[in-house]
Amino acid sequence: MGALTIDWTAFFEDGMFSAMAAIGFSSISHTPRRAYFTCGLAAALGHSLRFLLLNSDTLFSQIIIASTLAALVVGVTAVLLSSFIKVPAEACLFPALLPMIPGMYAYRTVSALMHCLACQDEGAVLHNLYLLSFNGLTCTAIVLGMVVGANLPIFILKHISYQATR
């Protein structure tokens, strides 16, 4: 295993753009304005951690594990900061997870399905079925890992999580 070399410009761009996406999504989701900073910070921390893990030579460099750990960081950040801004953790958590949605795997899944339905050649159909299953299972595993990673802090840290009551 070699030393981890980081392109710091790409690292900070990754965090900045994920924060911008989270703030944009929270603004169209009618999240209170006082939660924008927390949404952006949680997204930047989580997505930047995933960026670091994916660019490392460890077991955590697999996208499913990296996304799960990053979602755990997003969840902890949202739970810890939600009590300060008096907003439920979910209001900060869900917009912060948006930049980590595996869009390319979902796109490739649908693309493989369309190619599979349009193919006449058996070899091409089998190849597209392989792409469909690989990308679909990867996408599903990433999303499930993110759901588990993001919700664990809400359940574990329930005693400090801000609860909205009406």
N, C-alpha and C. Protein backbone atom coordinates (compact mmCIF):
# COMPACT_ATOMS: atom_id res chain seq x y z
N MET A 1 0.83 -1.18 0.00
CA MET A 1 0.00 0.00 0.00
C MET A 1 0.87 1.23 0.00
N GLY A 2 0.63 2.11 -0.95
CA GLY A 2 1.39 3.34 -1.05
C GLY A 2 0.74 4.43 -0.22
N ALA A 3 1.42 5.54 -0.15
CA ALA A 3 0.89 6.68 0.56
C ALA A 3 -0.29 7.27 -0.21
N LEU A 4 -1.23 7.80 0.52
CA LEU A 4 -2.41 8.39 -0.08
C LEU A 4 -2.04 9.78 -0.61
N THR A 5 -2.13 9.96 -1.90
CA THR A 5 -1.89 11.27 -2.48
C THR A 5 -3.25 11.87 -2.85
N ILE A 6 -3.46 13.08 -2.43
CA ILE A 6 -4.76 13.71 -2.60
C ILE A 6 -4.62 14.93 -3.49
N ASP A 7 -5.49 15.03 -4.46
CA ASP A 7 -5.62 16.24 -5.26
C ASP A 7 -6.51 17.18 -4.45
N TRP A 8 -5.90 18.08 -3.72
CA TRP A 8 -6.63 18.93 -2.79
C TRP A 8 -7.64 19.83 -3.50
N THR A 9 -7.32 20.25 -4.71
CA THR A 9 -8.26 21.07 -5.46
C THR A 9 -9.54 20.28 -5.73
N ALA A 10 -9.39 19.05 -6.20
CA ALA A 10 -10.55 18.20 -6.46
C ALA A 10 -11.30 17.89 -5.17
N PHE A 11 -10.56 17.71 -4.08
CA PHE A 11 -11.17 17.42 -2.78
C PHE A 11 -12.08 18.57 -2.34
N PHE A 12 -11.56 19.80 -2.39
CA PHE A 12 -12.35 20.95 -1.96
C PHE A 12 -13.48 21.26 -2.95
N GLU A 13 -13.24 21.05 -4.24
CA GLU A 13 -14.31 21.22 -5.22
C GLU A 13 -15.44 20.22 -4.95
N ASP A 14 -15.08 19.00 -4.62
CA ASP A 14 -16.06 17.96 -4.32
C ASP A 14 -16.95 18.39 -3.16
N GLY A 15 -16.32 18.86 -2.10
CA GLY A 15 -17.08 19.31 -0.93
C GLY A 15 -17.94 20.52 -1.24
N MET A 16 -17.38 21.48 -1.99
CA MET A 16 -18.12 22.70 -2.29
C MET A 16 -19.33 22.42 -3.18
N PHE A 17 -19.14 21.62 -4.22
CA PHE A 17 -20.25 21.34 -5.12
C PHE A 17 -21.33 20.47 -4.46
N SER A 18 -20.92 19.56 -3.59
CA SER A 18 -21.94 18.77 -2.89
C SER A 18 -22.71 19.65 -1.91
N ALA A 19 -22.04 20.62 -1.27
CA ALA A 19 -22.73 21.55 -0.38
C ALA A 19 -23.72 22.40 -1.17
N MET A 20 -23.31 22.85 -2.34
CA MET A 20 -24.21 23.66 -3.18
C MET A 20 -25.44 22.85 -3.60
N ALA A 21 -25.24 21.60 -3.96
CA ALA A 21 -26.37 20.75 -4.35
C ALA A 21 -27.32 20.53 -3.18
N ALA A 22 -26.76 20.31 -1.99
CA ALA A 22 -27.60 20.08 -0.81
C ALA A 22 -28.38 21.34 -0.45
N ILE A 23 -27.74 22.49 -0.51
CA ILE A 23 -28.44 23.73 -0.20
C ILE A 23 -29.51 24.01 -1.24
N GLY A 24 -29.22 23.75 -2.49
CA GLY A 24 -30.23 23.92 -3.54
C GLY A 24 -31.42 23.01 -3.35
N PHE A 25 -31.15 21.76 -3.02
CA PHE A 25 -32.25 20.83 -2.80
C PHE A 25 -33.05 21.21 -1.56
N SER A 26 -32.36 21.65 -0.51
CA SER A 26 -33.09 22.03 0.70
C SER A 26 -33.92 23.29 0.46
N SER A 27 -33.47 24.17 -0.43
CA SER A 27 -34.25 25.38 -0.71
C SER A 27 -35.54 25.06 -1.46
N ILE A 28 -35.52 24.06 -2.34
CA ILE A 28 -36.76 23.72 -3.05
C ILE A 28 -37.63 22.76 -2.24
N SER A 29 -37.09 22.25 -1.13
CA SER A 29 -37.85 21.34 -0.27
C SER A 29 -38.49 22.08 0.91
N HIS A 30 -38.44 23.39 0.90
CA HIS A 30 -39.02 24.22 1.95
C HIS A 30 -38.41 23.96 3.32
N THR A 31 -37.13 23.67 3.35
CA THR A 31 -36.39 23.55 4.60
C THR A 31 -36.18 24.97 5.13
N PRO A 32 -36.28 25.17 6.45
CA PRO A 32 -36.03 26.52 6.99
C PRO A 32 -34.63 27.02 6.62
N ARG A 33 -34.52 28.31 6.37
CA ARG A 33 -33.24 28.88 5.94
C ARG A 33 -32.14 28.67 6.96
N ARG A 34 -32.48 28.61 8.23
CA ARG A 34 -31.45 28.42 9.25
C ARG A 34 -30.79 27.04 9.15
N ALA A 35 -31.38 26.13 8.38
CA ALA A 35 -30.82 24.79 8.22
C ALA A 35 -29.91 24.66 7.00
N TYR A 36 -29.85 25.69 6.15
CA TYR A 36 -29.05 25.60 4.93
C TYR A 36 -27.58 25.31 5.22
N PHE A 37 -27.01 26.02 6.18
CA PHE A 37 -25.59 25.82 6.49
C PHE A 37 -25.35 24.39 6.96
N THR A 38 -26.23 23.88 7.82
CA THR A 38 -26.07 22.51 8.33
C THR A 38 -26.20 21.49 7.19
N CYS A 39 -27.15 21.71 6.29
CA CYS A 39 -27.30 20.81 5.13
C CYS A 39 -26.04 20.82 4.28
N GLY A 40 -25.53 22.01 4.01
CA GLY A 40 -24.33 22.13 3.20
C GLY A 40 -23.11 21.53 3.87
N LEU A 41 -22.96 21.77 5.17
CA LEU A 41 -21.82 21.23 5.91
C LEU A 41 -21.88 19.70 5.95
N ALA A 42 -23.05 19.16 6.24
CA ALA A 42 -23.20 17.70 6.30
C ALA A 42 -22.91 17.07 4.94
N ALA A 43 -23.40 17.68 3.88
CA ALA A 43 -23.15 17.16 2.53
C ALA A 43 -21.67 17.23 2.19
N ALA A 44 -21.04 18.35 2.51
CA ALA A 44 -19.62 18.51 2.20
C ALA A 44 -18.77 17.51 2.98
N LEU A 45 -19.07 17.32 4.26
CA LEU A 45 -18.31 16.36 5.05
C LEU A 45 -18.49 14.93 4.54
N GLY A 46 -19.74 14.55 4.29
CA GLY A 46 -20.01 13.19 3.83
C GLY A 46 -19.45 12.91 2.46
N HIS A 47 -19.69 13.80 1.53
CA HIS A 47 -19.23 13.57 0.16
C HIS A 47 -17.71 13.63 0.07
N SER A 48 -17.09 14.52 0.85
CA SER A 48 -15.63 14.60 0.85
C SER A 48 -15.01 13.34 1.46
N LEU A 49 -15.66 12.80 2.51
CA LEU A 49 -15.16 11.54 3.08
C LEU A 49 -15.26 10.43 2.05
N ARG A 50 -16.37 10.37 1.36
CA ARG A 50 -16.51 9.34 0.32
C ARG A 50 -15.46 9.52 -0.77
N PHE A 51 -15.17 10.76 -1.14
CA PHE A 51 -14.14 11.05 -2.12
C PHE A 51 -12.79 10.53 -1.64
N LEU A 52 -12.46 10.79 -0.37
CA LEU A 52 -11.19 10.30 0.18
C LEU A 52 -11.14 8.78 0.19
N LEU A 53 -12.22 8.16 0.63
CA LEU A 53 -12.24 6.70 0.71
C LEU A 53 -12.15 6.05 -0.67
N LEU A 54 -12.83 6.61 -1.64
CA LEU A 54 -12.79 6.03 -2.99
C LEU A 54 -11.42 6.19 -3.64
N ASN A 55 -10.65 7.16 -3.20
CA ASN A 55 -9.32 7.38 -3.76
C ASN A 55 -8.22 6.80 -2.89
N SER A 56 -8.57 5.91 -1.98
CA SER A 56 -7.58 5.26 -1.13
C SER A 56 -7.40 3.81 -1.57
N ASP A 57 -6.40 3.16 -1.02
CA ASP A 57 -6.11 1.76 -1.37
C ASP A 57 -6.56 0.82 -0.26
N THR A 58 -7.67 1.10 0.36
CA THR A 58 -8.11 0.28 1.49
C THR A 58 -9.38 -0.48 1.13
N LEU A 59 -9.83 -1.27 2.08
CA LEU A 59 -11.10 -1.99 1.94
C LEU A 59 -12.25 -1.01 1.75
N PHE A 60 -12.10 0.19 2.33
CA PHE A 60 -13.16 1.18 2.28
C PHE A 60 -13.25 1.90 0.94
N SER A 61 -12.39 1.51 -0.01
CA SER A 61 -12.41 2.18 -1.32
C SER A 61 -13.51 1.64 -2.23
N GLN A 62 -14.27 0.67 -1.77
CA GLN A 62 -15.42 0.20 -2.55
C GLN A 62 -16.57 1.18 -2.34
N ILE A 63 -17.29 1.47 -3.40
CA ILE A 63 -18.29 2.54 -3.35
C ILE A 63 -19.42 2.25 -2.37
N ILE A 64 -19.78 1.01 -2.18
CA ILE A 64 -20.87 0.68 -1.25
C ILE A 64 -20.45 0.98 0.17
N ILE A 65 -19.28 0.53 0.56
CA ILE A 65 -18.78 0.77 1.92
C ILE A 65 -18.51 2.26 2.13
N ALA A 66 -17.88 2.90 1.14
CA ALA A 66 -17.56 4.32 1.26
C ALA A 66 -18.84 5.16 1.39
N SER A 67 -19.86 4.83 0.63
CA SER A 67 -21.12 5.58 0.70
C SER A 67 -21.83 5.36 2.02
N THR A 68 -21.75 4.15 2.56
CA THR A 68 -22.37 3.86 3.85
C THR A 68 -21.68 4.64 4.96
N LEU A 69 -20.35 4.64 4.98
CA LEU A 69 -19.61 5.40 6.00
C LEU A 69 -19.84 6.90 5.85
N ALA A 70 -19.89 7.38 4.62
CA ALA A 70 -20.15 8.80 4.39
C ALA A 70 -21.55 9.18 4.86
N ALA A 71 -22.53 8.32 4.61
CA ALA A 71 -23.90 8.58 5.08
C ALA A 71 -23.96 8.57 6.60
N LEU A 72 -23.14 7.74 7.23
CA LEU A 72 -23.07 7.73 8.70
C LEU A 72 -22.56 9.07 9.21
N VAL A 73 -21.55 9.62 8.55
CA VAL A 73 -21.02 10.94 8.94
C VAL A 73 -22.07 12.02 8.72
N VAL A 74 -22.79 11.95 7.61
CA VAL A 74 -23.86 12.91 7.35
C VAL A 74 -24.93 12.81 8.44
N GLY A 75 -25.30 11.59 8.82
CA GLY A 75 -26.30 11.41 9.86
C GLY A 75 -25.86 11.95 11.21
N VAL A 76 -24.63 11.68 11.58
CA VAL A 76 -24.11 12.18 12.87
C VAL A 76 -24.06 13.70 12.85
N THR A 77 -23.59 14.28 11.76
CA THR A 77 -23.53 15.74 11.65
C THR A 77 -24.92 16.35 11.75
N ALA A 78 -25.88 15.77 11.05
CA ALA A 78 -27.24 16.29 11.08
C ALA A 78 -27.86 16.19 12.46
N VAL A 79 -27.65 15.07 13.14
CA VAL A 79 -28.22 14.90 14.47
C VAL A 79 -27.58 15.86 15.47
N LEU A 80 -26.27 15.99 15.42
CA LEU A 80 -25.58 16.85 16.38
C LEU A 80 -25.90 18.33 16.18
N LEU A 81 -26.04 18.76 14.94
CA LEU A 81 -26.27 20.18 14.68
C LEU A 81 -27.74 20.56 14.65
N SER A 82 -28.64 19.59 14.51
CA SER A 82 -30.06 19.91 14.41
C SER A 82 -30.62 20.51 15.69
N SER A 83 -30.08 20.12 16.83
CA SER A 83 -30.59 20.68 18.09
C SER A 83 -30.21 22.15 18.24
N PHE A 84 -29.11 22.57 17.65
CA PHE A 84 -28.70 23.98 17.73
C PHE A 84 -29.57 24.88 16.88
N ILE A 85 -30.05 24.37 15.77
CA ILE A 85 -30.86 25.20 14.87
C ILE A 85 -32.36 24.92 15.02
N LYS A 86 -32.71 24.03 15.92
CA LYS A 86 -34.11 23.71 16.22
C LYS A 86 -34.88 23.24 14.99
N VAL A 87 -34.27 22.30 14.29
CA VAL A 87 -34.87 21.69 13.11
C VAL A 87 -34.67 20.18 13.25
N PRO A 88 -35.67 19.37 12.91
CA PRO A 88 -35.46 17.92 12.96
C PRO A 88 -34.28 17.49 12.10
N ALA A 89 -33.56 16.49 12.56
CA ALA A 89 -32.36 16.03 11.86
C ALA A 89 -32.67 15.60 10.43
N GLU A 90 -33.84 15.05 10.20
CA GLU A 90 -34.21 14.60 8.86
C GLU A 90 -34.26 15.75 7.86
N ALA A 91 -34.59 16.95 8.32
CA ALA A 91 -34.64 18.11 7.43
C ALA A 91 -33.26 18.47 6.90
N CYS A 92 -32.24 18.16 7.66
CA CYS A 92 -30.86 18.41 7.21
C CYS A 92 -30.26 17.17 6.55
N LEU A 93 -30.71 16.02 6.98
CA LEU A 93 -30.13 14.76 6.53
C LEU A 93 -30.44 14.46 5.07
N PHE A 94 -31.69 14.54 4.68
CA PHE A 94 -32.08 14.13 3.34
C PHE A 94 -31.51 15.02 2.24
N PRO A 95 -31.52 16.36 2.37
CA PRO A 95 -30.86 17.15 1.33
C PRO A 95 -29.36 16.90 1.27
N ALA A 96 -28.74 16.59 2.40
CA ALA A 96 -27.29 16.35 2.42
C ALA A 96 -26.92 15.02 1.75
N LEU A 97 -27.85 14.08 1.72
CA LEU A 97 -27.59 12.80 1.07
C LEU A 97 -27.78 12.85 -0.44
N LEU A 98 -28.48 13.85 -0.92
CA LEU A 98 -28.78 13.93 -2.35
C LEU A 98 -27.55 13.84 -3.25
N PRO A 99 -26.45 14.54 -2.93
CA PRO A 99 -25.29 14.44 -3.84
C PRO A 99 -24.67 13.05 -3.91
N MET A 100 -25.00 12.17 -2.98
CA MET A 100 -24.40 10.83 -2.99
C MET A 100 -25.29 9.78 -3.65
N ILE A 101 -26.43 10.20 -4.18
CA ILE A 101 -27.31 9.26 -4.88
C ILE A 101 -26.55 8.71 -6.10
N PRO A 102 -26.54 7.40 -6.28
CA PRO A 102 -25.75 6.79 -7.38
C PRO A 102 -26.45 6.91 -8.73
N GLY A 103 -26.45 8.11 -9.27
CA GLY A 103 -27.17 8.38 -10.51
C GLY A 103 -26.64 7.63 -11.72
N MET A 104 -25.33 7.49 -11.82
CA MET A 104 -24.76 6.78 -12.98
C MET A 104 -25.14 5.30 -12.96
N TYR A 105 -25.16 4.70 -11.78
CA TYR A 105 -25.55 3.28 -11.71
C TYR A 105 -27.03 3.12 -12.06
N ALA A 106 -27.87 4.05 -11.63
CA ALA A 106 -29.29 3.98 -11.97
C ALA A 106 -29.49 4.20 -13.47
N TYR A 107 -28.76 5.16 -14.03
CA TYR A 107 -28.85 5.41 -15.47
C TYR A 107 -28.41 4.19 -16.27
N ARG A 108 -27.28 3.59 -15.87
CA ARG A 108 -26.78 2.41 -16.58
C ARG A 108 -27.72 1.22 -16.45
N THR A 109 -28.43 1.14 -15.32
CA THR A 109 -29.41 0.07 -15.14
C THR A 109 -30.56 0.22 -16.13
N VAL A 110 -31.11 1.42 -16.21
CA VAL A 110 -32.22 1.66 -17.13
C VAL A 110 -31.75 1.52 -18.58
N SER A 111 -30.55 2.01 -18.87
CA SER A 111 -30.01 1.88 -20.22
C SER A 111 -29.85 0.41 -20.61
N ALA A 112 -29.34 -0.40 -19.71
CA ALA A 112 -29.18 -1.83 -19.99
C ALA A 112 -30.54 -2.50 -20.19
N LEU A 113 -31.53 -2.08 -19.43
CA LEU A 113 -32.88 -2.64 -19.61
C LEU A 113 -33.42 -2.30 -20.99
N MET A 114 -33.25 -1.04 -21.40
CA MET A 114 -33.74 -0.64 -22.72
C MET A 114 -33.00 -1.38 -23.84
N HIS A 115 -31.67 -1.53 -23.69
CA HIS A 115 -30.90 -2.27 -24.69
C HIS A 115 -31.29 -3.75 -24.71
N CYS A 116 -31.57 -4.28 -23.55
CA CYS A 116 -31.96 -5.69 -23.45
C CYS A 116 -33.29 -5.93 -24.18
N LEU A 117 -34.21 -5.01 -24.04
CA LEU A 117 -35.50 -5.15 -24.69
C LEU A 117 -35.42 -4.93 -26.20
N ALA A 118 -34.44 -4.14 -26.63
CA ALA A 118 -34.33 -3.83 -28.06
C ALA A 118 -33.45 -4.81 -28.82
N CYS A 119 -32.66 -5.62 -28.13
CA CYS A 119 -31.70 -6.52 -28.80
C CYS A 119 -32.39 -7.74 -29.40
N GLN A 120 -31.85 -8.19 -30.52
CA GLN A 120 -32.31 -9.41 -31.15
C GLN A 120 -31.31 -10.54 -30.97
N ASP A 121 -30.05 -10.19 -30.78
CA ASP A 121 -28.97 -11.15 -30.65
C ASP A 121 -28.90 -11.68 -29.22
N GLU A 122 -28.83 -13.01 -29.08
CA GLU A 122 -28.81 -13.63 -27.75
C GLU A 122 -27.59 -13.22 -26.94
N GLY A 123 -26.44 -13.10 -27.57
CA GLY A 123 -25.24 -12.69 -26.86
C GLY A 123 -25.35 -11.27 -26.32
N ALA A 124 -25.93 -10.38 -27.12
CA ALA A 124 -26.13 -9.00 -26.68
C ALA A 124 -27.15 -8.92 -25.55
N VAL A 125 -28.18 -9.76 -25.62
CA VAL A 125 -29.18 -9.80 -24.55
C VAL A 125 -28.54 -10.26 -23.24
N LEU A 126 -27.73 -11.31 -23.32
CA LEU A 126 -27.05 -11.80 -22.11
C LEU A 126 -26.10 -10.76 -21.53
N HIS A 127 -25.36 -10.07 -22.40
CA HIS A 127 -24.46 -9.02 -21.92
C HIS A 127 -25.24 -7.89 -21.24
N ASN A 128 -26.35 -7.50 -21.85
CA ASN A 128 -27.16 -6.43 -21.26
C ASN A 128 -27.85 -6.87 -19.98
N LEU A 129 -28.21 -8.16 -19.89
CA LEU A 129 -28.76 -8.67 -18.63
C LEU A 129 -27.71 -8.63 -17.52
N TYR A 130 -26.46 -8.93 -17.90
CA TYR A 130 -25.37 -8.83 -16.94
C TYR A 130 -25.22 -7.38 -16.47
N LEU A 131 -25.19 -6.44 -17.41
CA LEU A 131 -25.06 -5.02 -17.04
C LEU A 131 -26.24 -4.56 -16.20
N LEU A 132 -27.43 -5.03 -16.55
CA LEU A 132 -28.63 -4.69 -15.79
C LEU A 132 -28.52 -5.17 -14.35
N SER A 133 -28.13 -6.41 -14.18
CA SER A 133 -28.05 -6.95 -12.82
C SER A 133 -26.90 -6.33 -12.03
N PHE A 134 -25.74 -6.15 -12.65
CA PHE A 134 -24.60 -5.57 -11.94
C PHE A 134 -24.90 -4.14 -11.48
N ASN A 135 -25.34 -3.31 -12.42
CA ASN A 135 -25.61 -1.92 -12.08
C ASN A 135 -26.81 -1.78 -11.16
N GLY A 136 -27.84 -2.58 -11.38
CA GLY A 136 -29.02 -2.52 -10.51
C GLY A 136 -28.72 -2.95 -9.09
N LEU A 137 -27.97 -4.04 -8.94
CA LEU A 137 -27.61 -4.50 -7.59
C LEU A 137 -26.66 -3.52 -6.91
N THR A 138 -25.72 -2.96 -7.67
CA THR A 138 -24.81 -1.98 -7.08
C THR A 138 -25.57 -0.74 -6.64
N CYS A 139 -26.45 -0.24 -7.46
CA CYS A 139 -27.25 0.93 -7.12
C CYS A 139 -28.11 0.67 -5.88
N THR A 140 -28.74 -0.49 -5.84
CA THR A 140 -29.58 -0.85 -4.70
C THR A 140 -28.75 -0.97 -3.43
N ALA A 141 -27.60 -1.60 -3.51
CA ALA A 141 -26.74 -1.75 -2.33
C ALA A 141 -26.23 -0.41 -1.83
N ILE A 142 -25.90 0.50 -2.73
CA ILE A 142 -25.45 1.83 -2.32
C ILE A 142 -26.56 2.57 -1.59
N VAL A 143 -27.76 2.55 -2.17
CA VAL A 143 -28.89 3.25 -1.55
C VAL A 143 -29.24 2.63 -0.20
N LEU A 144 -29.25 1.31 -0.11
CA LEU A 144 -29.53 0.66 1.18
C LEU A 144 -28.46 0.98 2.21
N GLY A 145 -27.20 0.99 1.79
CA GLY A 145 -26.13 1.36 2.70
C GLY A 145 -26.27 2.79 3.18
N MET A 146 -26.68 3.68 2.29
CA MET A 146 -26.88 5.07 2.69
C MET A 146 -28.06 5.20 3.65
N VAL A 147 -29.11 4.45 3.42
CA VAL A 147 -30.27 4.50 4.32
C VAL A 147 -29.87 4.02 5.72
N VAL A 148 -29.16 2.90 5.78
CA VAL A 148 -28.73 2.38 7.08
C VAL A 148 -27.76 3.34 7.75
N GLY A 149 -26.75 3.80 7.00
CA GLY A 149 -25.75 4.69 7.56
C GLY A 149 -26.33 6.01 8.04
N ALA A 150 -27.30 6.55 7.32
CA ALA A 150 -27.88 7.83 7.69
C ALA A 150 -28.86 7.73 8.85
N ASN A 151 -29.55 6.60 8.95
CA ASN A 151 -30.57 6.48 10.00
C ASN A 151 -30.04 5.94 11.32
N LEU A 152 -28.92 5.25 11.31
CA LEU A 152 -28.35 4.77 12.57
C LEU A 152 -28.13 5.88 13.59
N PRO A 153 -27.53 7.00 13.21
CA PRO A 153 -27.35 8.06 14.22
C PRO A 153 -28.66 8.61 14.77
N ILE A 154 -29.70 8.63 13.96
CA ILE A 154 -30.99 9.12 14.45
C ILE A 154 -31.53 8.21 15.54
N PHE A 155 -31.37 6.89 15.35
CA PHE A 155 -31.87 5.95 16.35
C PHE A 155 -30.93 5.85 17.56
N ILE A 156 -29.64 5.85 17.32
CA ILE A 156 -28.69 5.72 18.42
C ILE A 156 -28.63 6.99 19.26
N LEU A 157 -28.67 8.15 18.62
CA LEU A 157 -28.56 9.42 19.32
C LEU A 157 -29.92 10.08 19.51
N LYS A 158 -30.96 9.28 19.67
CA LYS A 158 -32.32 9.79 19.79
C LYS A 158 -32.48 10.75 20.96
N HIS A 159 -31.72 10.52 22.03
CA HIS A 159 -31.85 11.36 23.22
C HIS A 159 -31.31 12.78 23.01
N ILE A 160 -30.46 13.00 22.02
CA ILE A 160 -29.98 14.36 21.77
C ILE A 160 -30.52 14.92 20.46
N SER A 161 -31.25 14.13 19.70
CA SER A 161 -31.79 14.59 18.44
C SER A 161 -32.98 15.51 18.69
N TYR A 162 -33.06 16.61 17.94
CA TYR A 162 -34.16 17.54 18.08
C TYR A 162 -35.42 16.91 17.51
N GLN A 163 -36.48 16.94 18.28
CA GLN A 163 -37.76 16.36 17.87
C GLN A 163 -38.78 17.48 17.69
N ALA A 164 -39.41 17.56 16.57
CA ALA A 164 -40.46 18.55 16.35
C ALA A 164 -41.74 18.03 16.97
N THR A 165 -42.36 18.85 17.78
CA THR A 165 -43.64 18.47 18.39
C THR A 165 -44.67 19.53 18.06
N ARG A 166 -45.87 19.07 17.85
CA ARG A 166 -46.97 20.00 17.52
C ARG A 166 -48.14 19.69 18.40
